[in-house]
């Protein structure tokens, strides 16, 4: 599943109709001119329909979450190594 991002004048006011049209799980307005449709099937027809309506559109991967990252830290100060790197 991919998110579909729509950009165009006043698109956020049409979130319900675009959500139903694309089969998205939910619609998240960003600004009055942007709308993110979450978990769409990623069909090219959805982008074509948006372009026909005069909107810019693209498929986006889900945003990264903090849980997607891991951090490993190591200390170079060791009594076994007598020189600093």
Protein backbone atom coordinates (compact mmCIF):
# COMPACT_ATOMS: atom_id res chain seq x y z
CA UNK A 1 0.00 0.00 0.00
CA UNK A 2 1.17 3.49 -0.77
CA UNK A 3 0.05 6.95 0.16
CA UNK A 4 -1.26 9.26 -2.55
CA UNK A 5 -0.40 12.94 -2.12
CA UNK A 6 -2.60 15.47 -3.92
CA UNK A 7 -1.68 19.12 -4.34
CA UNK A 8 -4.06 21.75 -5.70
CA UNK A 9 -6.17 24.74 -4.71
CA UNK A 10 -8.62 23.82 -1.95
CA UNK A 11 -8.06 20.04 -2.24
CA UNK A 12 -8.29 19.51 1.52
CA UNK A 13 -11.99 20.43 1.36
CA UNK A 14 -12.62 17.42 -0.91
CA UNK A 15 -10.97 14.77 1.25
CA UNK A 16 -14.03 12.53 1.63
CA UNK A 17 -14.69 12.25 -2.10
CA UNK A 18 -11.03 11.51 -2.91
CA UNK A 19 -10.81 8.99 -0.08
CA UNK A 20 -13.84 7.13 -1.45
CA UNK A 21 -12.58 7.36 -5.05
CA UNK A 22 -9.13 5.93 -4.25
CA UNK A 23 -10.09 3.44 -1.55
CA UNK A 24 -7.77 5.08 0.97
CA UNK A 25 -7.96 4.09 4.63
CA UNK A 26 -7.96 7.73 5.73
CA UNK A 27 -7.32 11.23 4.41
CA UNK A 28 -4.95 13.61 6.19
CA UNK A 29 -5.05 17.26 5.11
CA UNK A 30 -1.72 19.03 5.43
CA UNK A 31 -2.62 22.53 4.32
CA UNK A 32 -5.73 23.75 2.49
CA UNK A 33 -3.90 22.89 -0.75
CA UNK A 34 -2.45 19.46 0.15
CA UNK A 35 -4.03 16.12 1.00
CA UNK A 36 -2.38 12.79 1.89
CA UNK A 37 -4.52 9.71 1.25
CA UNK A 38 -3.17 6.91 3.45
CA UNK A 39 -2.95 3.26 2.31
CA UNK A 40 -4.18 3.48 -1.26
CA UNK A 41 -3.68 0.54 -3.65
CA UNK A 42 -1.16 2.64 -5.63
CA UNK A 43 -3.04 2.50 -8.94
CA UNK A 44 -1.81 4.66 -11.83
CA UNK A 45 -5.47 5.48 -12.60
CA UNK A 46 -5.68 7.49 -9.38
CA UNK A 47 -2.83 9.73 -10.50
CA UNK A 48 -4.38 10.08 -13.95
CA UNK A 49 -7.72 11.09 -12.38
CA UNK A 50 -5.96 13.69 -10.23
CA UNK A 51 -4.14 15.13 -13.24
CA UNK A 52 -7.43 15.26 -15.17
CA UNK A 53 -8.88 17.27 -12.25
CA UNK A 54 -5.98 19.74 -12.51
CA UNK A 55 -4.10 18.47 -9.46
CA UNK A 56 -0.49 17.48 -8.95
CA UNK A 57 -0.25 13.96 -7.56
CA UNK A 58 2.36 11.38 -6.60
CA UNK A 59 2.63 8.13 -4.67
CA UNK A 60 4.74 8.27 -1.53
CA UNK A 61 6.04 5.65 0.84
CA UNK A 62 4.92 5.76 4.42
CA UNK A 63 6.84 8.28 6.48
CA UNK A 64 9.65 6.89 8.58
CA UNK A 65 9.01 6.35 12.25
CA UNK A 66 11.43 6.62 15.11
CA UNK A 67 11.11 2.85 15.59
CA UNK A 68 12.55 2.35 12.08
CA UNK A 69 15.98 3.48 13.29
CA UNK A 70 18.54 1.91 15.59
CA UNK A 71 21.62 3.54 17.07
CA UNK A 72 24.86 1.90 18.10
CA UNK A 73 27.38 3.98 20.03
CA UNK A 74 30.85 2.87 20.97
CA UNK A 75 33.50 4.41 23.14
CA UNK A 76 37.00 4.59 21.67
CA UNK A 77 38.58 5.16 25.09
CA UNK A 78 40.00 1.77 25.97
CA UNK A 79 42.79 0.64 28.27
CA UNK A 80 43.86 -2.01 25.75
CA UNK A 81 44.60 0.53 23.05
CA UNK A 82 47.36 2.93 23.95
CA UNK A 83 46.92 5.36 21.04
CA UNK A 84 43.98 7.54 20.10
CA UNK A 85 42.59 7.12 16.59
